[in-house]
Amino acid sequence: MSTRSPHIVWFRRDLRVRDNPALTAACADGGPVLAVYVHSPRDAGPWGPGGASRWWLHHSLAALTSDLNRLGIPLLLLRGPTRSALLSLCSRVQARAVSWNRRYEPGSIEVDKRLKAQLAAQGVVAQSFNGSLLIEPWQITTGVGSPYRVFTPFWRKAQTLVQAEPGLPAPEPRRNHFVVDAPGLTLESLKLLPRIPWAGGLAATWQPGEAGAHSRLERFLVESIQGYREGRDYPQKQSTSGLSPHLAFGEVSPRQVLAAVHAHWNSGMGLTPDADFFVRELFWREFSYHLLFHFPNTPTENLNADFDTFAWRQPDPVLLKAWQQGRTGLPIVDAGMRELWKTGTMHNRVRMLVASVLTKNLRYHWLHGARWFWDTLVDADLANNTQGWQWTAGTGADAAPYFRIFNPVTQGERFDPEGGYVRRFVPELAEVPTRFIHQPWLLPPAEQARLGLAGTPYVRPLIDLASSRTEALAAYKTRGD
């Protein structure tokens, strides 16, 4: 036990002990270390953690508590507001320093700035680190010093600035334990877990925590990265990494992922084509953070101001709910939305399809989709969620043109040709013959009745793809008039 003033490590979305610069710095100065997590959804404004994120956070904090205990470091759970909670704690334990890893959301940046100033006024050393990105957003600019708005040149420049280096090891276990005079909250008192059965599918799919992150990374590198470039587009193949929620909660760092890819799949002359394509996706994540940092209004505003006068429709509550619940009558769209509800995630190819249907066929503002995803995704991340929705809607950086409207029938036939993905998540279509699986409304009426489809949207979809596409293109042509 130690009575010396502690060095506080403030955890946020960096819930790991390896390659954690803030934790390493706190442990390096030789004194006692106290870890703290402040639960303060209000600090994030409208983007506090959604239901699926809260479920993940509960289990990730439980795992982190165990990992820190093995290092002899207690984790104190507090309730926000963040600045007042941390300042009060510093005063109570006479902290000598506070370290944390930076966040890049607008609300987080403001909290950090004010906290640093107030800690300095109290005589407490405050230091922040890059624990989330391969490259800081302010370290990469175009030739004229402006932020990149197109991915490919960003990717080319970023590759020249980033090296594949191993992450920091976990600190050594400590002997000088610090005991807080007043304990913090219990994890259960944060009430993060949902009270509905929906969470059962999440538990069956995921293992939150640092150990789960590295297990999934290793499995992907050994079993799935070969063939990734092609296989990633086929939702039934399970060829994607599944690392996005672990990255979102900082249970593994992008530096660790990049180093692991190079260790497994660098031939000596460079990465294999599949590994290189996966690394490109890591840099797409970096690009999303680059955009959020330089354009902080994009979580609620179009990056492309030309769409500020676009004729979005007022949502029909019935249609919007059908889209959310996966009951539109469009098989691959419904499969994606039900996968989201059951597992807290959705295959990336299908994310584009469901987003295209919402923003282009239904012509609802992308924010309606972004907020639904925010509440139901275990990998909900403001930078990636914003970038993904604005990209598909055609309103963001390097975006898919608005007139590029995905057809869920042809996309389903191309990327789920046997219908395995649809049958997995839309069981009422399980016995539909393969040639009709993406268009069950073309089945003869007698066959529809035999399969129990009569009276369902699979006989007549709620969205007419042809007419809605025509209307969307007409609206696009007249935008700004």
Protein backbone atom coordinates (compact mmCIF):
# COMPACT_ATOMS: atom_id res chain seq x y z
CA MET A 1 0.00 0.00 0.00
CA SER A 2 1.22 3.53 -0.80
CA THR A 3 0.36 6.90 0.68
CA ARG A 4 2.17 8.86 -2.05
CA SER A 5 0.11 11.01 -4.38
CA PRO A 6 -1.11 8.91 -7.29
CA HIS A 7 -0.79 9.38 -11.01
CA ILE A 8 -4.33 9.09 -12.41
CA VAL A 9 -4.99 7.35 -15.73
CA TRP A 10 -8.31 8.43 -17.20
CA PHE A 11 -9.76 5.71 -19.41
CA ARG A 12 -12.29 6.40 -22.15
CA ARG A 13 -12.37 4.46 -25.41
CA ASP A 14 -8.98 2.90 -24.78
CA LEU A 15 -10.06 -0.04 -22.64
CA ARG A 16 -6.83 -2.05 -22.78
CA VAL A 17 -3.56 -2.40 -20.90
CA ARG A 18 -1.26 -3.16 -23.86
CA ASP A 19 -0.19 -0.38 -26.23
CA ASN A 20 -1.84 2.19 -24.00
CA PRO A 21 0.44 5.27 -23.98
CA ALA A 22 -1.38 6.99 -21.11
CA LEU A 23 -1.15 3.92 -18.87
CA THR A 24 2.49 3.37 -19.80
CA ALA A 25 3.36 6.98 -18.96
CA ALA A 26 1.60 6.82 -15.61
CA CYS A 27 3.40 3.62 -14.65
CA ALA A 28 6.79 4.90 -15.81
CA ASP A 29 7.26 7.57 -13.12
CA GLY A 30 7.50 5.06 -10.29
CA GLY A 31 4.69 6.14 -7.99
CA PRO A 32 1.25 4.67 -7.32
CA VAL A 33 -1.25 4.61 -10.18
CA LEU A 34 -5.01 5.01 -9.97
CA ALA A 35 -7.19 4.24 -13.01
CA VAL A 36 -10.56 5.93 -13.40
CA TYR A 37 -13.47 5.70 -15.82
CA VAL A 38 -16.10 8.45 -15.73
CA HIS A 39 -19.52 7.53 -17.06
CA SER A 40 -20.90 10.79 -18.44
CA PRO A 41 -23.21 10.36 -21.43
CA ARG A 42 -24.29 14.00 -21.27
CA ASP A 43 -20.77 15.14 -22.14
CA ALA A 44 -21.28 13.60 -25.58
CA GLY A 45 -24.44 15.63 -26.21
CA PRO A 46 -26.77 13.86 -28.65
CA TRP A 47 -24.17 11.15 -29.24
CA GLY A 48 -24.03 9.49 -25.84
CA PRO A 49 -23.66 5.70 -25.99
CA GLY A 50 -26.61 3.86 -27.51
CA GLY A 51 -28.13 0.65 -26.24
CA ALA A 52 -25.75 -1.77 -27.96
CA SER A 53 -22.73 0.34 -27.00
CA ARG A 54 -23.80 0.38 -23.36
CA TRP A 55 -24.03 -3.42 -23.38
CA TRP A 56 -20.51 -3.65 -24.79
CA LEU A 57 -19.19 -1.02 -22.39
CA HIS A 58 -20.45 -2.95 -19.37
CA HIS A 59 -18.60 -6.11 -20.36
CA SER A 60 -15.51 -4.27 -21.57
CA LEU A 61 -15.20 -2.42 -18.25
CA ALA A 62 -15.55 -5.73 -16.41
CA ALA A 63 -12.70 -7.18 -18.48
CA LEU A 64 -10.55 -4.08 -17.99
CA THR A 65 -11.10 -4.21 -14.22
CA SER A 66 -9.74 -7.76 -14.14
CA ASP A 67 -6.77 -6.88 -16.37
CA LEU A 68 -5.84 -3.87 -14.22
CA ASN A 69 -6.24 -5.86 -11.01
CA ARG A 70 -3.60 -8.27 -12.27
CA LEU A 71 -1.29 -5.26 -12.63
CA GLY A 72 -2.07 -4.06 -9.11
CA ILE A 73 -3.95 -1.00 -10.36
CA PRO A 74 -7.46 -0.26 -9.07
CA LEU A 75 -10.12 1.00 -11.50
CA LEU A 76 -12.43 3.59 -9.97
CA LEU A 77 -15.83 4.08 -11.62
CA LEU A 78 -17.35 7.56 -11.31
CA ARG A 79 -20.38 9.34 -12.68
CA GLY A 80 -20.05 12.62 -14.58
CA PRO A 81 -19.97 15.43 -15.52
CA THR A 82 -16.45 14.43 -16.45
CA ARG A 83 -14.47 17.55 -15.57
CA SER A 84 -16.04 18.08 -12.18
CA ALA A 85 -15.69 14.38 -11.32
CA LEU A 86 -11.99 14.32 -12.24
CA LEU A 87 -11.17 17.63 -10.60
CA SER A 88 -12.89 16.54 -7.42
CA LEU A 89 -11.00 13.22 -7.45
CA CYS A 90 -7.67 14.96 -8.01
CA SER A 91 -8.31 17.20 -5.03
CA ARG A 92 -9.43 14.31 -2.83
CA VAL A 93 -6.42 12.07 -3.52
CA GLN A 94 -3.95 14.93 -4.08
CA ALA A 95 -3.08 13.60 -7.52
CA ARG A 96 0.28 14.62 -8.92
CA ALA A 97 -0.65 14.00 -12.57
CA VAL A 98 -3.43 12.91 -14.89
CA SER A 99 -2.79 11.10 -18.18
CA TRP A 100 -5.24 10.14 -20.89
CA ASN A 101 -5.44 9.20 -24.56
CA ARG A 102 -6.97 11.74 -26.88
CA ARG A 103 -10.42 11.58 -28.42
CA TYR A 104 -11.39 13.49 -31.57
CA GLU A 105 -15.14 14.06 -31.26
CA PRO A 106 -16.02 17.78 -30.94
CA GLY A 107 -17.43 17.36 -27.41
CA SER A 108 -14.40 15.39 -26.24
CA ILE A 109 -11.94 17.95 -27.58
CA GLU A 110 -13.71 20.71 -25.65
CA VAL A 111 -13.72 18.66 -22.43
CA ASP A 112 -9.98 17.96 -22.82
CA LYS A 113 -9.05 21.61 -23.37
CA ARG A 114 -10.92 22.84 -20.33
CA LEU A 115 -9.71 19.99 -18.16
CA LYS A 116 -6.06 20.65 -19.00
CA ALA A 117 -6.40 24.31 -18.12
CA GLN A 118 -8.15 23.59 -14.81
CA LEU A 119 -5.68 20.88 -13.82
CA ALA A 120 -2.78 23.22 -14.53
CA ALA A 121 -4.44 25.85 -12.32
CA GLN A 122 -4.52 23.25 -9.51
CA GLY A 123 -0.85 22.43 -10.00
CA VAL A 124 -1.58 18.99 -11.45
CA VAL A 125 0.43 17.78 -14.46
CA ALA A 126 -1.89 16.95 -17.37
CA GLN A 127 -0.71 15.00 -20.41
CA SER A 128 -2.51 13.43 -23.34
CA PHE A 129 -1.38 10.91 -25.92
CA ASN A 130 -2.36 9.38 -29.24
CA GLY A 131 -3.78 5.98 -28.38
CA SER A 132 -6.47 5.74 -31.07
CA LEU A 133 -4.98 6.49 -34.48
CA LEU A 134 -2.04 5.68 -36.70
CA ILE A 135 -1.59 9.35 -37.49
CA GLU A 136 -2.95 12.51 -35.85
CA PRO A 137 -5.43 14.44 -38.01
CA TRP A 138 -3.27 17.59 -37.95
CA GLN A 139 -0.19 15.71 -39.16
CA ILE A 140 -1.47 15.12 -42.68
CA THR A 141 -2.53 17.81 -45.15
CA THR A 142 -2.69 18.35 -48.89
CA GLY A 143 0.05 20.19 -50.75
CA VAL A 144 -1.65 23.52 -50.00
CA GLY A 145 -2.10 22.74 -46.32
CA SER A 146 -5.82 21.93 -46.36
CA PRO A 147 -7.56 18.77 -45.09
CA TYR A 148 -8.05 15.92 -47.51
CA ARG A 149 -11.59 15.37 -48.73
CA VAL A 150 -10.85 12.45 -51.07
CA PHE A 151 -9.63 9.13 -49.74
CA THR A 152 -7.18 7.93 -52.40
CA PRO A 153 -4.70 10.83 -52.12
CA PHE A 154 -5.11 10.71 -48.33
CA TRP A 155 -4.24 7.02 -48.40
CA ARG A 156 -1.18 7.58 -50.59
CA LYS A 157 0.17 10.32 -48.32
CA ALA A 158 -0.66 8.51 -45.07
CA GLN A 159 1.26 5.41 -46.13
CA THR A 160 4.44 7.48 -46.32
CA LEU A 161 3.96 8.72 -42.74
CA VAL A 162 3.12 5.48 -40.93
CA GLN A 163 5.40 2.58 -40.07
CA ALA A 164 4.31 -0.88 -38.92
CA GLU A 165 5.75 -0.90 -35.40
CA PRO A 166 4.87 -3.15 -32.45
CA GLY A 167 2.75 -1.60 -29.75
CA LEU A 168 3.79 -0.92 -26.18
CA PRO A 169 3.78 -3.93 -23.84
CA ALA A 170 1.57 -4.07 -20.77
CA PRO A 171 3.17 -2.47 -17.69
CA GLU A 172 4.75 -4.71 -15.10
CA PRO A 173 2.59 -5.59 -12.07
CA ARG A 174 2.94 -2.98 -9.34
CA ARG A 175 3.82 -3.37 -5.68
CA ASN A 176 2.81 0.08 -4.47
CA HIS A 177 -0.97 -0.23 -4.48
CA PHE A 178 -3.04 2.88 -3.98
CA VAL A 179 -6.16 2.71 -1.85
CA VAL A 180 -8.90 5.29 -2.34
CA ASP A 181 -10.52 6.49 0.89
CA ALA A 182 -13.99 6.44 -0.66
CA PRO A 183 -14.74 3.70 -3.20
CA GLY A 184 -16.32 4.51 -6.52
CA LEU A 185 -19.47 3.12 -8.06
CA THR A 186 -20.11 -0.52 -8.80
CA LEU A 187 -20.34 -1.50 -12.45
CA GLU A 188 -23.92 -2.64 -11.93
CA SER A 189 -24.91 0.78 -10.57
CA LEU A 190 -24.12 2.35 -13.96
CA LYS A 191 -27.12 0.40 -15.32
CA LEU A 192 -25.59 -0.14 -18.73
CA LEU A 193 -27.22 -3.47 -19.51
CA PRO A 194 -30.55 -3.49 -21.39
CA ARG A 195 -33.67 -4.91 -19.82
CA ILE A 196 -34.90 -6.55 -23.02
CA PRO A 197 -34.10 -10.01 -24.46
CA TRP A 198 -32.30 -8.43 -27.44
CA ALA A 199 -28.94 -8.62 -25.63
CA GLY A 200 -28.88 -12.43 -25.84
CA GLY A 201 -27.81 -12.32 -29.49
CA LEU A 202 -24.99 -9.92 -28.65
CA ALA A 203 -23.63 -12.24 -25.96
CA ALA A 204 -23.72 -15.18 -28.36
CA THR A 205 -21.76 -13.24 -30.98
CA TRP A 206 -19.12 -11.26 -29.11
CA GLN A 207 -16.46 -11.41 -26.41
CA PRO A 208 -15.88 -7.80 -25.31
CA GLY A 209 -12.52 -6.96 -23.79
CA GLU A 210 -8.85 -6.96 -24.73
CA ALA A 211 -8.53 -10.76 -24.72
CA GLY A 212 -11.53 -11.06 -27.05
CA ALA A 213 -10.04 -8.46 -29.37
CA HIS A 214 -6.73 -10.27 -29.76
CA SER A 215 -8.43 -13.64 -30.12
CA ARG A 216 -10.55 -12.28 -32.97
CA LEU A 217 -7.54 -10.60 -34.59
CA GLU A 218 -5.51 -13.80 -34.49
CA ARG A 219 -8.38 -15.85 -35.86
CA PHE A 220 -8.87 -13.41 -38.74
CA LEU A 221 -5.18 -13.39 -39.65
CA VAL A 222 -4.97 -17.18 -39.63
CA GLU A 223 -8.35 -18.13 -41.10
CA SER A 224 -9.85 -15.31 -43.13
CA ILE A 225 -7.46 -12.68 -44.45
CA GLN A 226 -6.53 -14.80 -47.46
CA GLY A 227 -9.24 -14.04 -49.98
CA TYR A 228 -10.29 -10.93 -48.04
CA ARG A 229 -10.34 -8.58 -51.02
CA GLU A 230 -13.04 -10.58 -52.80
CA GLY A 231 -14.66 -12.38 -49.89
CA ARG A 232 -15.37 -9.21 -47.88
CA ASP A 233 -18.25 -8.39 -50.25
CA TYR A 234 -20.12 -11.65 -49.60
CA PRO A 235 -22.06 -11.49 -46.31
CA GLN A 236 -22.46 -15.26 -46.01
CA LYS A 237 -18.71 -15.94 -46.23
CA GLN A 238 -17.74 -14.42 -42.87
CA SER A 239 -14.57 -13.03 -44.44
CA THR A 240 -14.42 -9.72 -42.59
CA SER A 241 -12.32 -9.19 -39.47
CA GLY A 242 -15.06 -8.36 -36.94
CA LEU A 243 -12.60 -5.98 -35.26
CA SER A 244 -14.65 -2.80 -35.55
CA PRO A 245 -16.25 -2.89 -32.05
CA HIS A 246 -12.91 -3.80 -30.47
CA LEU A 247 -11.31 -0.83 -32.25
CA ALA A 248 -14.23 1.42 -31.34
CA PHE A 249 -13.75 0.70 -27.63
CA GLY A 250 -9.97 0.73 -27.86
CA GLU A 251 -9.56 -2.89 -26.78
CA VAL A 252 -6.99 -3.17 -29.53
CA SER A 253 -5.16 -0.31 -31.21
CA PRO A 254 -4.80 0.21 -34.97
CA ARG A 255 -1.04 0.13 -34.43
CA GLN A 256 -1.32 -3.37 -32.96
CA VAL A 257 -3.51 -4.47 -35.86
CA LEU A 258 -1.14 -3.05 -38.47
CA ALA A 259 1.88 -4.68 -36.82
CA ALA A 260 0.10 -8.03 -36.58
CA VAL A 261 -0.85 -7.95 -40.28
CA HIS A 262 2.74 -7.25 -41.26
CA ALA A 263 4.04 -9.98 -38.95
CA HIS A 264 1.72 -12.58 -40.51
CA TRP A 265 1.46 -11.49 -44.14
CA ASN A 266 4.56 -9.56 -45.17
CA SER A 267 6.39 -11.62 -47.75
CA GLY A 268 9.60 -9.62 -47.49
CA MET A 269 8.66 -7.69 -50.60
CA GLY A 270 5.58 -6.16 -49.07
CA LEU A 271 2.13 -7.22 -47.98
CA THR A 272 0.16 -9.80 -49.88
CA PRO A 273 -2.66 -8.26 -51.98
CA ASP A 274 -5.37 -9.37 -49.55
CA ALA A 275 -3.47 -8.05 -46.52
CA ASP A 276 -2.76 -4.77 -48.31
CA PHE A 277 -6.45 -4.35 -49.07
CA PHE A 278 -7.30 -4.93 -45.40
CA VAL A 279 -4.74 -2.32 -44.35
CA ARG A 280 -6.42 0.08 -46.76
CA GLU A 281 -9.59 -0.36 -44.70
CA LEU A 282 -7.63 0.57 -41.56
CA PHE A 283 -6.69 3.82 -43.28
CA TRP A 284 -10.32 4.39 -44.28
CA ARG A 285 -10.99 4.48 -40.53
CA GLU A 286 -8.18 7.03 -40.19
CA PHE A 287 -9.76 9.09 -42.98
CA SER A 288 -13.07 9.13 -41.10
CA TYR A 289 -11.35 10.58 -38.02
CA HIS A 290 -9.50 13.06 -40.21
CA LEU A 291 -12.82 14.31 -41.55
CA LEU A 292 -14.50 14.47 -38.14
CA PHE A 293 -11.62 16.46 -36.68
CA HIS A 294 -11.46 18.99 -39.52
CA PHE A 295 -15.22 19.17 -40.14
CA PRO A 296 -16.70 18.81 -36.63
CA ASN A 297 -20.26 19.68 -37.69
CA THR A 298 -20.60 16.67 -39.99
CA PRO A 299 -22.34 14.39 -37.43
CA THR A 300 -25.45 16.51 -38.02
CA GLU A 301 -24.72 18.59 -41.13
CA ASN A 302 -23.94 17.71 -44.75
CA LEU A 303 -20.29 18.07 -45.65
CA ASN A 304 -21.44 18.94 -49.16
CA ALA A 305 -23.53 22.08 -48.64
CA ASP A 306 -25.24 21.52 -52.02
CA PHE A 307 -27.50 19.06 -50.21
CA ASP A 308 -28.66 21.55 -47.58
CA THR A 309 -31.66 22.36 -49.79
CA PHE A 310 -32.24 18.83 -51.03
CA ALA A 311 -35.86 17.65 -51.01
CA TRP A 312 -35.69 14.96 -48.32
CA ARG A 313 -39.05 13.43 -47.52
CA GLN A 314 -40.69 13.64 -44.14
CA PRO A 315 -40.47 10.05 -42.88
CA ASP A 316 -43.58 7.91 -42.87
CA PRO A 317 -43.51 6.34 -39.36
CA VAL A 318 -44.81 3.02 -40.69
CA LEU A 319 -42.21 2.78 -43.44
CA LEU A 320 -39.39 3.94 -41.18
CA LYS A 321 -40.31 1.32 -38.59
CA ALA A 322 -40.51 -1.37 -41.27
CA TRP A 323 -36.99 -0.43 -42.39
CA GLN A 324 -35.73 -0.50 -38.78
CA GLN A 325 -37.29 -3.88 -38.06
CA GLY A 326 -36.31 -5.53 -41.34
CA ARG A 327 -39.84 -5.93 -42.68
CA THR A 328 -39.75 -3.98 -45.95
CA GLY A 329 -40.23 -7.03 -48.18
CA LEU A 330 -36.77 -6.59 -49.74
CA PRO A 331 -34.98 -9.77 -48.61
CA ILE A 332 -31.35 -8.69 -48.33
CA VAL A 333 -32.31 -5.36 -46.76
CA ASP A 334 -34.46 -7.11 -44.18
CA ALA A 335 -31.72 -9.65 -43.51
CA GLY A 336 -29.25 -6.85 -42.81
CA MET A 337 -31.55 -4.99 -40.44
CA ARG A 338 -32.36 -8.19 -38.54
CA GLU A 339 -28.67 -9.11 -38.37
CA LEU A 340 -28.11 -5.69 -36.80
CA TRP A 341 -30.79 -6.25 -34.17
CA LYS A 342 -29.68 -9.80 -33.38
CA THR A 343 -25.90 -9.35 -33.34
CA GLY A 344 -25.27 -5.62 -32.98
CA THR A 345 -23.47 -5.48 -36.29
CA MET A 346 -24.11 -5.73 -40.02
CA HIS A 347 -21.97 -6.80 -42.93
CA ASN A 348 -20.43 -3.74 -44.59
CA ARG A 349 -21.76 -4.47 -48.08
CA VAL A 350 -25.26 -4.78 -46.64
CA ARG A 351 -24.82 -1.55 -44.64
CA MET A 352 -24.42 0.26 -47.95
CA LEU A 353 -27.55 -1.39 -49.33
CA VAL A 354 -29.82 -0.58 -46.38
CA ALA A 355 -28.46 2.97 -46.27
CA SER A 356 -29.07 3.44 -49.99
CA VAL A 357 -32.67 2.27 -49.63
CA LEU A 358 -33.29 4.71 -46.78
CA THR A 359 -31.62 7.77 -48.27
CA LYS A 360 -32.41 7.26 -51.94
CA ASN A 361 -35.43 5.01 -52.43
CA LEU A 362 -37.27 6.34 -49.38
CA ARG A 363 -35.42 9.67 -49.62
CA TYR A 364 -35.22 10.12 -45.86
CA HIS A 365 -32.44 12.24 -44.41
CA TRP A 366 -29.36 10.18 -43.57
CA LEU A 367 -29.59 11.28 -39.92
CA HIS A 368 -32.60 8.96 -39.42
CA GLY A 369 -30.36 6.04 -40.33
CA ALA A 370 -27.30 7.33 -38.48
CA ARG A 371 -29.23 7.60 -35.22
CA TRP A 372 -30.73 4.10 -35.58
CA PHE A 373 -27.31 2.64 -36.24
CA TRP A 374 -25.91 4.61 -33.31
CA ASP A 375 -28.32 2.90 -30.94
CA THR A 376 -28.07 -0.62 -32.34
CA LEU A 377 -24.43 -1.06 -33.43
CA VAL A 378 -21.91 -2.46 -30.98
CA ASP A 379 -19.25 -0.72 -33.09
CA ALA A 380 -21.00 2.66 -32.99
CA ASP A 381 -18.23 5.19 -33.60
CA LEU A 382 -19.05 8.80 -34.42
CA ALA A 383 -16.36 9.21 -37.07
CA ASN A 384 -17.14 5.98 -38.91
CA ASN A 385 -20.91 6.22 -38.52
CA THR A 386 -20.96 9.76 -39.89
CA GLN A 387 -18.62 9.00 -42.76
CA GLY A 388 -20.50 5.85 -43.74
CA TRP A 389 -23.91 7.49 -43.85
CA GLN A 390 -22.75 10.64 -45.61
CA TRP A 391 -20.82 8.54 -48.12
CA THR A 392 -23.84 6.44 -49.08
CA ALA A 393 -26.23 9.41 -49.07
CA GLY A 394 -23.90 11.27 -51.45
CA THR A 395 -23.53 14.23 -49.08
CA GLY A 396 -20.02 13.61 -47.71
CA ALA A 397 -16.37 13.46 -48.69
CA ASP A 398 -15.39 11.16 -51.53
CA ALA A 399 -19.04 10.16 -51.55
CA ALA A 400 -20.94 7.78 -53.78
CA PRO A 401 -22.77 10.04 -56.25
CA TYR A 402 -26.39 10.55 -55.32
CA PHE A 403 -27.46 9.07 -58.65
CA ARG A 404 -25.67 5.81 -57.75
CA ILE A 405 -28.61 3.92 -56.28
CA PHE A 406 -27.97 0.35 -55.21
CA ASN A 407 -30.57 -2.15 -56.35
CA PRO A 408 -31.01 -4.63 -53.47
CA VAL A 409 -32.29 -7.33 -55.82
CA THR A 410 -29.33 -7.33 -58.17
CA GLN A 411 -26.93 -6.79 -55.25
CA GLY A 412 -28.45 -9.76 -53.46
CA GLU A 413 -28.21 -11.95 -56.54
CA ARG A 414 -24.57 -10.97 -57.00
CA PHE A 415 -23.28 -11.11 -53.41
CA ASP A 416 -25.65 -13.67 -51.85
CA PRO A 417 -26.23 -15.86 -54.90
CA GLU A 418 -27.38 -18.93 -52.98
CA GLY A 419 -29.46 -16.86 -50.54
CA GLY A 420 -27.69 -18.23 -47.47
CA TYR A 421 -27.44 -14.85 -45.77
CA VAL A 422 -31.11 -14.08 -46.38
CA ARG A 423 -32.25 -17.48 -45.13
CA ARG A 424 -30.10 -17.11 -42.02
CA PHE A 425 -31.72 -13.89 -40.86
CA VAL A 426 -35.15 -14.03 -42.53
CA PRO A 427 -36.29 -17.53 -41.59
CA GLU A 428 -39.72 -17.12 -43.20
CA LEU A 429 -37.89 -17.23 -46.54
CA ALA A 430 -35.88 -20.35 -45.68
CA GLU A 431 -37.72 -22.62 -48.12
CA VAL A 432 -37.99 -20.18 -51.02
CA PRO A 433 -36.22 -21.60 -54.11
CA THR A 434 -32.87 -19.95 -54.78
CA ARG A 435 -33.92 -18.35 -58.05
CA PHE A 436 -36.67 -16.48 -56.21
CA ILE A 437 -34.90 -15.80 -52.91
CA HIS A 438 -34.23 -12.13 -53.72
CA GLN A 439 -37.58 -11.62 -55.48
CA PRO A 440 -40.12 -13.82 -53.67
CA TRP A 441 -42.95 -11.67 -55.06
CA LEU A 442 -42.34 -13.38 -58.43
CA LEU A 443 -43.35 -16.77 -57.03
CA PRO A 444 -46.72 -18.06 -58.27
CA PRO A 445 -49.49 -17.15 -55.78
CA ALA A 446 -50.13 -20.80 -54.94
CA GLU A 447 -46.46 -21.27 -54.08
CA GLN A 448 -46.46 -18.10 -51.98
CA ALA A 449 -49.43 -19.44 -50.05
CA ARG A 450 -47.81 -22.84 -49.60
CA LEU A 451 -44.69 -21.20 -48.16
CA GLY A 452 -46.75 -19.07 -45.79
CA LEU A 453 -45.87 -15.79 -47.49
CA ALA A 454 -49.42 -14.68 -48.30
CA GLY A 455 -50.18 -11.38 -46.59
CA THR A 456 -46.52 -10.56 -45.95
CA PRO A 457 -44.41 -7.83 -47.57
CA TYR A 458 -42.60 -10.57 -49.51
CA VAL A 459 -45.61 -10.78 -51.79
CA ARG A 460 -45.65 -7.03 -52.30
CA PRO A 461 -42.67 -5.03 -50.95
CA LEU A 462 -43.44 -1.79 -49.13
CA ILE A 463 -40.96 0.01 -51.38
CA ASP A 464 -41.33 0.08 -55.15
CA LEU A 465 -37.74 0.04 -56.33
CA ALA A 466 -38.37 1.27 -59.87
CA SER A 467 -40.64 4.22 -59.12
CA SER A 468 -38.68 5.29 -56.02
CA ARG A 469 -35.47 5.30 -58.05
CA THR A 470 -37.07 7.49 -60.71
CA GLU A 471 -38.35 9.92 -58.07
CA ALA A 472 -34.96 10.06 -56.36
CA LEU A 473 -33.18 10.90 -59.61
CA ALA A 474 -35.72 13.61 -60.36
CA ALA A 475 -35.18 15.13 -56.91
CA TYR A 476 -31.43 15.01 -57.45
CA LYS A 477 -31.69 16.88 -60.74
CA THR A 478 -33.75 19.65 -59.18
CA ARG A 479 -31.73 20.08 -55.96
CA GLY A 480 -30.90 23.67 -55.23
CA ASP A 481 -33.70 25.01 -57.49
